[in-house]
């Protein structure tokens, strides 16, 4: 596991099967060192974030079920909308 330093914050990276991944929890610690999960939870509520994730899935996941994703995208950004890891794992 390699590490990057971004704005004096250590960000862990992982290479699996030739693909590099970064730890978004480490990035979120820049905004909230005590509760980075809250930063990620808020990020997942944004419509732009879900649009990006949906596009990424469409381009990279042959089993992506866009029809099942559309209701989530329609709800994204509303005050009542929350996204959990459980919801995202269904795709």
PDB file of N, CA and C in Angstrom:
ATOM      1  N   UNK A   1       0.853  -1.166   0.000  1.00  0.00           N
ATOM      2  CA  UNK A   1       0.000   0.000   0.000  1.00  0.00           C
ATOM      3  C   UNK A   1       0.903   1.234   0.000  1.00  0.00           C
ATOM      4  N   UNK A   2       0.690   2.102  -0.958  1.00  0.00           N
ATOM      5  CA  UNK A   2       1.450   3.344  -1.050  1.00  0.00           C
ATOM      6  C   UNK A   2       0.686   4.456  -0.358  1.00  0.00           C
ATOM      7  N   UNK A   3       1.384   5.565  -0.142  1.00  0.00           N
ATOM      8  CA  UNK A   3       0.757   6.717   0.497  1.00  0.00           C
ATOM      9  C   UNK A   3       1.093   7.971  -0.285  1.00  0.00           C
ATOM     10  N   UNK A   4       0.124   8.871  -0.366  1.00  0.00           N
ATOM     11  CA  UNK A   4       0.316  10.192  -0.949  1.00  0.00           C
ATOM     12  C   UNK A   4       0.177  11.212   0.178  1.00  0.00           C
ATOM     13  N   UNK A   5       0.819  12.339   0.025  1.00  0.00           N
ATOM     14  CA  UNK A   5       0.617  13.446   0.955  1.00  0.00           C
ATOM     15  C   UNK A   5      -0.115  14.533   0.176  1.00  0.00           C
ATOM     16  N   UNK A   6      -1.331  14.861   0.617  1.00  0.00           N
ATOM     17  CA  UNK A   6      -2.153  15.879  -0.028  1.00  0.00           C
ATOM     18  C   UNK A   6      -2.521  16.910   1.036  1.00  0.00           C
ATOM     19  N   UNK A   7      -2.038  18.137   0.860  1.00  0.00           N
ATOM     20  CA  UNK A   7      -2.296  19.208   1.835  1.00  0.00           C
ATOM     21  C   UNK A   7      -1.975  18.739   3.253  1.00  0.00           C
ATOM     22  N   UNK A   8      -0.818  18.138   3.398  1.00  0.00           N
ATOM     23  CA  UNK A   8      -0.304  17.654   4.687  1.00  0.00           C
ATOM     24  C   UNK A   8      -1.111  16.494   5.272  1.00  0.00           C
ATOM     25  N   UNK A   9      -1.981  15.897   4.479  1.00  0.00           N
ATOM     26  CA  UNK A   9      -2.789  14.752   4.926  1.00  0.00           C
ATOM     27  C   UNK A   9      -2.311  13.502   4.191  1.00  0.00           C
ATOM     28  N   UNK A  10      -2.089  12.414   4.923  1.00  0.00           N
ATOM     29  CA  UNK A  10      -1.704  11.153   4.303  1.00  0.00           C
ATOM     30  C   UNK A  10      -2.942  10.531   3.665  1.00  0.00           C
ATOM     31  N   UNK A  11      -2.834  10.159   2.388  1.00  0.00           N
ATOM     32  CA  UNK A  11      -3.914   9.487   1.668  1.00  0.00           C
ATOM     33  C   UNK A  11      -3.368   8.141   1.210  1.00  0.00           C
ATOM     34  N   UNK A  12      -3.960   7.086   1.731  1.00  0.00           N
ATOM     35  CA  UNK A  12      -3.513   5.741   1.366  1.00  0.00           C
ATOM     36  C   UNK A  12      -4.004   5.380  -0.040  1.00  0.00           C
ATOM     37  N   UNK A  13      -3.196   4.607  -0.731  1.00  0.00           N
ATOM     38  CA  UNK A  13      -3.569   4.103  -2.048  1.00  0.00           C
ATOM     39  C   UNK A  13      -3.392   2.595  -2.060  1.00  0.00           C
ATOM     40  N   UNK A  14      -4.076   1.972  -2.982  1.00  0.00           N
ATOM     41  CA  UNK A  14      -4.008   0.525  -3.129  1.00  0.00           C
ATOM     42  C   UNK A  14      -3.995   0.207  -4.609  1.00  0.00           C
ATOM     43  N   UNK A  15      -3.130  -0.712  -5.005  1.00  0.00           N
ATOM     44  CA  UNK A  15      -3.110  -1.159  -6.388  1.00  0.00           C
ATOM     45  C   UNK A  15      -3.574  -2.604  -6.410  1.00  0.00           C
ATOM     46  N   UNK A  16      -4.660  -2.841  -7.147  1.00  0.00           N
ATOM     47  CA  UNK A  16      -5.193  -4.203  -7.261  1.00  0.00           C
ATOM     48  C   UNK A  16      -5.408  -4.499  -8.728  1.00  0.00           C
ATOM     49  N   UNK A  17      -4.776  -5.544  -9.202  1.00  0.00           N
ATOM     50  CA  UNK A  17      -4.883  -5.958 -10.598  1.00  0.00           C
ATOM     51  C   UNK A  17      -4.515  -4.826 -11.558  1.00  0.00           C
ATOM     52  N   UNK A  18      -3.498  -4.044 -11.187  1.00  0.00           N
ATOM     53  CA  UNK A  18      -3.019  -2.971 -12.048  1.00  0.00           C
ATOM     54  C   UNK A  18      -3.857  -1.704 -12.016  1.00  0.00           C
ATOM     55  N   UNK A  19      -4.847  -1.645 -11.138  1.00  0.00           N
ATOM     56  CA  UNK A  19      -5.705  -0.460 -11.020  1.00  0.00           C
ATOM     57  C   UNK A  19      -5.421   0.198  -9.675  1.00  0.00           C
ATOM     58  N   UNK A  20      -5.203   1.516  -9.707  1.00  0.00           N
ATOM     59  CA  UNK A  20      -4.936   2.263  -8.486  1.00  0.00           C
ATOM     60  C   UNK A  20      -6.234   2.773  -7.873  1.00  0.00           C
ATOM     61  N   UNK A  21      -6.335   2.645  -6.554  1.00  0.00           N
ATOM     62  CA  UNK A  21      -7.475   3.136  -5.798  1.00  0.00           C
ATOM     63  C   UNK A  21      -6.957   4.064  -4.707  1.00  0.00           C
ATOM     64  N   UNK A  22      -7.756   5.079  -4.343  1.00  0.00           N
ATOM     65  CA  UNK A  22      -7.391   5.962  -3.242  1.00  0.00           C
ATOM     66  C   UNK A  22      -8.449   5.847  -2.154  1.00  0.00           C
ATOM     67  N   UNK A  23      -8.057   6.154  -0.949  1.00  0.00           N
ATOM     68  CA  UNK A  23      -8.960   6.060   0.202  1.00  0.00           C
ATOM     69  C   UNK A  23      -9.706   7.380   0.365  1.00  0.00           C
ATOM     70  N   UNK A  24     -11.001   7.382   0.068  1.00  0.00           N
ATOM     71  CA  UNK A  24     -11.758   8.627   0.192  1.00  0.00           C
ATOM     72  C   UNK A  24     -11.958   9.017   1.661  1.00  0.00           C
ATOM     73  N   UNK A  25     -11.861   8.061   2.559  1.00  0.00           N
ATOM     74  CA  UNK A  25     -11.958   8.385   3.986  1.00  0.00           C
ATOM     75  C   UNK A  25     -10.782   9.266   4.392  1.00  0.00           C
ATOM     76  N   UNK A  26      -9.597   8.952   3.885  1.00  0.00           N
ATOM     77  CA  UNK A  26      -8.428   9.788   4.181  1.00  0.00           C
ATOM     78  C   UNK A  26      -8.608  11.196   3.629  1.00  0.00           C
ATOM     79  N   UNK A  27      -9.192  11.324   2.459  1.00  0.00           N
ATOM     80  CA  UNK A  27      -9.446  12.640   1.876  1.00  0.00           C
ATOM     81  C   UNK A  27     -10.473  13.391   2.723  1.00  0.00           C
ATOM     82  N   UNK A  28     -11.521  12.696   3.163  1.00  0.00           N
ATOM     83  CA  UNK A  28     -12.571  13.323   3.967  1.00  0.00           C
ATOM     84  C   UNK A  28     -12.039  13.811   5.312  1.00  0.00           C
ATOM     85  N   UNK A  29     -10.968  13.206   5.795  1.00  0.00           N
ATOM     86  CA  UNK A  29     -10.385  13.635   7.079  1.00  0.00           C
ATOM     87  C   UNK A  29      -9.860  15.070   7.017  1.00  0.00           C
ATOM     88  N   UNK A  30      -9.619  15.588   5.816  1.00  0.00           N
ATOM     89  CA  UNK A  30      -9.185  16.985   5.708  1.00  0.00           C
ATOM     90  C   UNK A  30     -10.301  17.926   6.163  1.00  0.00           C
ATOM     91  N   UNK A  31     -11.531  17.572   5.889  1.00  0.00           N
ATOM     92  CA  UNK A  31     -12.675  18.408   6.282  1.00  0.00           C
ATOM     93  C   UNK A  31     -13.119  18.137   7.715  1.00  0.00           C
ATOM     94  N   UNK A  32     -13.087  16.860   8.111  1.00  0.00           N
ATOM     95  CA  UNK A  32     -13.566  16.500   9.446  1.00  0.00           C
ATOM     96  C   UNK A  32     -12.712  15.339   9.972  1.00  0.00           C
ATOM     97  N   UNK A  33     -11.631  15.658  10.684  1.00  0.00           N
ATOM     98  CA  UNK A  33     -10.721  14.605  11.150  1.00  0.00           C
ATOM     99  C   UNK A  33     -11.358  13.633  12.141  1.00  0.00           C
ATOM    100  N   UNK A  34     -12.399  14.074  12.848  1.00  0.00           N
ATOM    101  CA  UNK A  34     -13.015  13.223  13.872  1.00  0.00           C
ATOM    102  C   UNK A  34     -14.082  12.308  13.274  1.00  0.00           C
ATOM    103  N   UNK A  35     -14.897  12.831  12.353  1.00  0.00           N
ATOM    104  CA  UNK A  35     -15.991  12.060  11.753  1.00  0.00           C
ATOM    105  C   UNK A  35     -15.953  12.157  10.219  1.00  0.00           C
ATOM    106  N   UNK A  36     -14.948  11.573   9.562  1.00  0.00           N
ATOM    107  CA  UNK A  36     -14.888  11.667   8.102  1.00  0.00           C
ATOM    108  C   UNK A  36     -16.083  11.004   7.408  1.00  0.00           C
ATOM    109  N   UNK A  37     -16.726  10.073   8.097  1.00  0.00           N
ATOM    110  CA  UNK A  37     -17.897   9.408   7.503  1.00  0.00           C
ATOM    111  C   UNK A  37     -19.019  10.397   7.219  1.00  0.00           C
ATOM    112  N   UNK A  38     -19.120  11.451   8.035  1.00  0.00           N
ATOM    113  CA  UNK A  38     -20.148  12.460   7.796  1.00  0.00           C
ATOM    114  C   UNK A  38     -19.897  13.223   6.502  1.00  0.00           C
ATOM    115  N   UNK A  39     -18.636  13.486   6.200  1.00  0.00           N
ATOM    116  CA  UNK A  39     -18.276  14.152   4.946  1.00  0.00           C
ATOM    117  C   UNK A  39     -18.666  13.274   3.767  1.00  0.00           C
ATOM    118  N   UNK A  40     -18.360  11.993   3.853  1.00  0.00           N
ATOM    119  CA  UNK A  40     -18.684  11.057   2.771  1.00  0.00           C
ATOM    120  C   UNK A  40     -20.193  10.909   2.623  1.00  0.00           C
ATOM    121  N   UNK A  41     -20.894  10.825   3.740  1.00  0.00           N
ATOM    122  CA  UNK A  41     -22.354  10.707   3.709  1.00  0.00           C
ATOM    123  C   UNK A  41     -22.980  11.918   3.002  1.00  0.00           C
ATOM    124  N   UNK A  42     -22.492  13.115   3.304  1.00  0.00           N
ATOM    125  CA  UNK A  42     -23.002  14.317   2.644  1.00  0.00           C
ATOM    126  C   UNK A  42     -22.647  14.338   1.159  1.00  0.00           C
ATOM    127  N   UNK A  43     -21.458  13.896   0.823  1.00  0.00           N
ATOM    128  CA  UNK A  43     -21.017  13.836  -0.575  1.00  0.00           C
ATOM    129  C   UNK A  43     -21.916  12.885  -1.376  1.00  0.00           C
ATOM    130  N   UNK A  44     -22.299  11.764  -0.766  1.00  0.00           N
ATOM    131  CA  UNK A  44     -23.146  10.790  -1.454  1.00  0.00           C
ATOM    132  C   UNK A  44     -24.581  11.277  -1.650  1.00  0.00           C
ATOM    133  N   UNK A  45     -24.967  12.328  -0.957  1.00  0.00           N
ATOM    134  CA  UNK A  45     -26.317  12.880  -1.117  1.00  0.00           C
ATOM    135  C   UNK A  45     -26.438  13.781  -2.345  1.00  0.00           C
ATOM    136  N   UNK A  46     -25.313  14.254  -2.858  1.00  0.00           N
ATOM    137  CA  UNK A  46     -25.333  15.225  -3.949  1.00  0.00           C
ATOM    138  C   UNK A  46     -25.741  14.586  -5.273  1.00  0.00           C
ATOM    139  N   UNK A  47     -26.592  15.269  -5.995  1.00  0.00           N
ATOM    140  CA  UNK A  47     -27.041  14.762  -7.300  1.00  0.00           C
ATOM    141  C   UNK A  47     -25.856  14.602  -8.254  1.00  0.00           C
ATOM    142  N   UNK A  48     -24.922  15.556  -8.251  1.00  0.00           N
ATOM    143  CA  UNK A  48     -23.753  15.467  -9.140  1.00  0.00           C
ATOM    144  C   UNK A  48     -22.917  14.225  -8.846  1.00  0.00           C
ATOM    145  N   UNK A  49     -22.796  13.878  -7.576  1.00  0.00           N
ATOM    146  CA  UNK A  49     -22.044  12.683  -7.204  1.00  0.00           C
ATOM    147  C   UNK A  49     -22.718  11.439  -7.766  1.00  0.00           C
ATOM    148  N   UNK A  50     -24.027  11.337  -7.596  1.00  0.00           N
ATOM    149  CA  UNK A  50     -24.738  10.171  -8.114  1.00  0.00           C
ATOM    150  C   UNK A  50     -24.718  10.122  -9.640  1.00  0.00           C
ATOM    151  N   UNK A  51     -24.788  11.279 -10.297  1.00  0.00           N
ATOM    152  CA  UNK A  51     -24.676  11.294 -11.767  1.00  0.00           C
ATOM    153  C   UNK A  51     -23.318  10.755 -12.191  1.00  0.00           C
ATOM    154  N   UNK A  52     -22.262  11.170 -11.500  1.00  0.00           N
ATOM    155  CA  UNK A  52     -20.920  10.678 -11.801  1.00  0.00           C
ATOM    156  C   UNK A  52     -20.829   9.165 -11.577  1.00  0.00           C
ATOM    157  N   UNK A  53     -21.317   8.703 -10.433  1.00  0.00           N
ATOM    158  CA  UNK A  53     -21.256   7.270 -10.137  1.00  0.00           C
ATOM    159  C   UNK A  53     -22.073   6.454 -11.141  1.00  0.00           C
ATOM    160  N   UNK A  54     -23.239   6.976 -11.536  1.00  0.00           N
ATOM    161  CA  UNK A  54     -24.055   6.282 -12.532  1.00  0.00           C
ATOM    162  C   UNK A  54     -23.353   6.197 -13.872  1.00  0.00           C
ATOM    163  N   UNK A  55     -22.710   7.283 -14.288  1.00  0.00           N
ATOM    164  CA  UNK A  55     -21.969   7.265 -15.555  1.00  0.00           C
ATOM    165  C   UNK A  55     -20.800   6.297 -15.480  1.00  0.00           C
ATOM    166  N   UNK A  56     -20.073   6.312 -14.357  1.00  0.00           N
ATOM    167  CA  UNK A  56     -18.946   5.400 -14.193  1.00  0.00           C
ATOM    168  C   UNK A  56     -19.424   3.954 -14.296  1.00  0.00           C
ATOM    169  N   UNK A  57     -20.522   3.640 -13.624  1.00  0.00           N
ATOM    170  CA  UNK A  57     -21.069   2.280 -13.672  1.00  0.00           C
ATOM    171  C   UNK A  57     -21.479   1.908 -15.096  1.00  0.00           C
ATOM    172  N   UNK A  58     -22.135   2.824 -15.776  1.00  0.00           N
ATOM    173  CA  UNK A  58     -22.584   2.558 -17.140  1.00  0.00           C
ATOM    174  C   UNK A  58     -21.397   2.238 -18.058  1.00  0.00           C
ATOM    175  N   UNK A  59     -20.294   2.949 -17.862  1.00  0.00           N
ATOM    176  CA  UNK A  59     -19.112   2.753 -18.705  1.00  0.00           C
ATOM    177  C   UNK A  59     -18.287   1.534 -18.308  1.00  0.00           C
ATOM    178  N   UNK A  60     -18.326   1.156 -17.043  1.00  0.00           N
ATOM    179  CA  UNK A  60     -17.408   0.124 -16.550  1.00  0.00           C
ATOM    180  C   UNK A  60     -18.057  -1.146 -16.031  1.00  0.00           C
ATOM    181  N   UNK A  61     -19.356  -1.165 -15.901  1.00  0.00           N
ATOM    182  CA  UNK A  61     -20.028  -2.322 -15.317  1.00  0.00           C
ATOM    183  C   UNK A  61     -21.070  -2.859 -16.293  1.00  0.00           C
ATOM    184  N   UNK A  62     -20.760  -3.963 -16.984  1.00  0.00           N
ATOM    185  CA  UNK A  62     -21.715  -4.507 -17.952  1.00  0.00           C
ATOM    186  C   UNK A  62     -23.012  -4.997 -17.301  1.00  0.00           C
ATOM    187  N   UNK A  63     -23.005  -5.213 -15.988  1.00  0.00           N
ATOM    188  CA  UNK A  63     -24.197  -5.686 -15.286  1.00  0.00           C
ATOM    189  C   UNK A  63     -24.982  -4.554 -14.614  1.00  0.00           C
ATOM    190  N   UNK A  64     -24.590  -3.322 -14.875  1.00  0.00           N
ATOM    191  CA  UNK A  64     -25.250  -2.172 -14.251  1.00  0.00           C
ATOM    192  C   UNK A  64     -26.708  -2.094 -14.687  1.00  0.00           C
ATOM    193  N   UNK A  65     -27.585  -1.907 -13.704  1.00  0.00           N
ATOM    194  CA  UNK A  65     -29.023  -1.852 -13.965  1.00  0.00           C
ATOM    195  C   UNK A  65     -29.476  -0.399 -13.867  1.00  0.00           C
ATOM    196  N   UNK A  66     -29.330   0.334 -14.955  1.00  0.00           N
ATOM    197  CA  UNK A  66     -29.659   1.745 -14.991  1.00  0.00           C
ATOM    198  C   UNK A  66     -31.096   2.030 -14.615  1.00  0.00           C
ATOM    199  N   UNK A  67     -32.016   1.147 -14.984  1.00  0.00           N
ATOM    200  CA  UNK A  67     -33.433   1.345 -14.662  1.00  0.00           C
ATOM    201  C   UNK A  67     -33.638   1.335 -13.147  1.00  0.00           C
ATOM    202  N   UNK A  68     -32.891   0.509 -12.438  1.00  0.00           N
ATOM    203  CA  UNK A  68     -33.000   0.453 -10.981  1.00  0.00           C
ATOM    204  C   UNK A  68     -32.285   1.639 -10.327  1.00  0.00           C
ATOM    205  N   UNK A  69     -31.327   2.214 -11.035  1.00  0.00           N
ATOM    206  CA  UNK A  69     -30.570   3.350 -10.509  1.00  0.00           C
ATOM    207  C   UNK A  69     -31.339   4.667 -10.645  1.00  0.00           C
ATOM    208  N   UNK A  70     -32.173   4.782 -11.661  1.00  0.00           N
ATOM    209  CA  UNK A  70     -32.887   6.033 -11.950  1.00  0.00           C
ATOM    210  C   UNK A  70     -33.687   6.585 -10.775  1.00  0.00           C
ATOM    211  N   UNK A  71     -34.416   5.774 -10.006  1.00  0.00           N
ATOM    212  CA  UNK A  71     -35.138   6.337  -8.860  1.00  0.00           C
ATOM    213  C   UNK A  71     -34.212   7.001  -7.827  1.00  0.00           C
ATOM    214  N   UNK A  72     -33.044   6.410  -7.612  1.00  0.00           N
ATOM    215  CA  UNK A  72     -32.079   7.025  -6.698  1.00  0.00           C
ATOM    216  C   UNK A  72     -31.624   8.373  -7.230  1.00  0.00           C
ATOM    217  N   UNK A  73     -31.347   8.426  -8.513  1.00  0.00           N
ATOM    218  CA  UNK A  73     -30.896   9.668  -9.126  1.00  0.00           C
ATOM    219  C   UNK A  73     -31.970  10.740  -9.042  1.00  0.00           C
ATOM    220  N   UNK A  74     -33.220  10.354  -9.199  1.00  0.00           N
ATOM    221  CA  UNK A  74     -34.317  11.316  -9.104  1.00  0.00           C
ATOM    222  C   UNK A  74     -34.477  11.880  -7.694  1.00  0.00           C
ATOM    223  N   UNK A  75     -34.173  11.074  -6.680  1.00  0.00           N
ATOM    224  CA  UNK A  75     -34.300  11.514  -5.289  1.00  0.00           C
ATOM    225  C   UNK A  75     -33.090  12.317  -4.817  1.00  0.00           C
ATOM    226  N   UNK A  76     -31.950  12.111  -5.448  1.00  0.00           N
ATOM    227  CA  UNK A  76     -30.698  12.722  -5.002  1.00  0.00           C
ATOM    228  C   UNK A  76     -30.827  14.237  -4.924  1.00  0.00           C
ATOM    229  N   UNK A  77     -30.239  14.796  -3.881  1.00  0.00           N
ATOM    230  CA  UNK A  77     -30.249  16.237  -3.702  1.00  0.00           C
ATOM    231  C   UNK A  77     -31.410  16.746  -2.875  1.00  0.00           C
ATOM    232  N   UNK A  78     -32.441  15.941  -2.688  1.00  0.00           N
ATOM    233  CA  UNK A  78     -33.570  16.397  -1.859  1.00  0.00           C
ATOM    234  C   UNK A  78     -33.163  16.331  -0.383  1.00  0.00           C
ATOM    235  N   UNK A  79     -33.829  17.106   0.437  1.00  0.00           N
ATOM    236  CA  UNK A  79     -33.501  17.139   1.862  1.00  0.00           C
ATOM    237  C   UNK A  79     -33.687  15.788   2.541  1.00  0.00           C
ATOM    238  N   UNK A  80     -34.629  14.999   2.071  1.00  0.00           N
ATOM    239  CA  UNK A  80     -34.918  13.717   2.709  1.00  0.00           C
ATOM    240  C   UNK A  80     -34.025  12.580   2.204  1.00  0.00           C
ATOM    241  N   UNK A  81     -33.255  12.813   1.152  1.00  0.00           N
ATOM    242  CA  UNK A  81     -32.472  11.737   0.534  1.00  0.00           C
ATOM    243  C   UNK A  81     -31.192  11.460   1.309  1.00  0.00           C
ATOM    244  N   UNK A  82     -30.944  10.191   1.580  1.00  0.00           N
ATOM    245  CA  UNK A  82     -29.653   9.750   2.106  1.00  0.00           C
ATOM    246  C   UNK A  82     -29.225   8.529   1.312  1.00  0.00           C
ATOM    247  N   UNK A  83     -27.941   8.404   1.135  1.00  0.00           N
ATOM    248  CA  UNK A  83     -27.378   7.263   0.408  1.00  0.00           C
ATOM    249  C   UNK A  83     -26.539   6.480   1.397  1.00  0.00           C
ATOM    250  N   UNK A  84     -26.724   5.192   1.437  1.00  0.00           N
ATOM    251  CA  UNK A  84     -25.938   4.366   2.336  1.00  0.00           C
ATOM    252  C   UNK A  84     -25.119   3.397   1.513  1.00  0.00           C
ATOM    253  N   UNK A  85     -24.131   2.811   2.159  1.00  0.00           N
ATOM    254  CA  UNK A  85     -23.326   1.796   1.492  1.00  0.00           C
ATOM    255  C   UNK A  85     -24.209   0.637   1.063  1.00  0.00           C
ATOM    256  N   UNK A  86     -25.187   0.293   1.865  1.00  0.00           N
ATOM    257  CA  UNK A  86     -26.105  -0.798   1.520  1.00  0.00           C
ATOM    258  C   UNK A  86     -26.804  -0.525   0.190  1.00  0.00           C
ATOM    259  N   UNK A  87     -27.325   0.687   0.018  1.00  0.00           N
ATOM    260  CA  UNK A  87     -28.004   1.023  -1.239  1.00  0.00           C
ATOM    261  C   UNK A  87     -27.040   0.916  -2.409  1.00  0.00           C
ATOM    262  N   UNK A  88     -25.805   1.399  -2.219  1.00  0.00           N
ATOM    263  CA  UNK A  88     -24.874   1.394  -3.341  1.00  0.00           C
ATOM    264  C   UNK A  88     -24.407  -0.020  -3.677  1.00  0.00           C
ATOM    265  N   UNK A  89     -24.396  -0.928  -2.719  1.00  0.00           N
ATOM    266  CA  UNK A  89     -23.959  -2.302  -2.983  1.00  0.00           C
ATOM    267  C   UNK A  89     -24.995  -3.096  -3.781  1.00  0.00           C
ATOM    268  N   UNK A  90     -26.217  -2.642  -3.831  1.00  0.00           N
ATOM    269  CA  UNK A  90     -27.245  -3.359  -4.574  1.00  0.00           C
ATOM    270  C   UNK A  90     -26.959  -3.349  -6.080  1.00  0.00           C
ATOM    271  N   UNK A  91     -26.185  -2.400  -6.550  1.00  0.00           N
ATOM    272  CA  UNK A  91     -25.897  -2.306  -7.963  1.00  0.00           C
ATOM    273  C   UNK A  91     -24.700  -3.125  -8.268  1.00  0.00           C
TER     274      UNK A  91
END
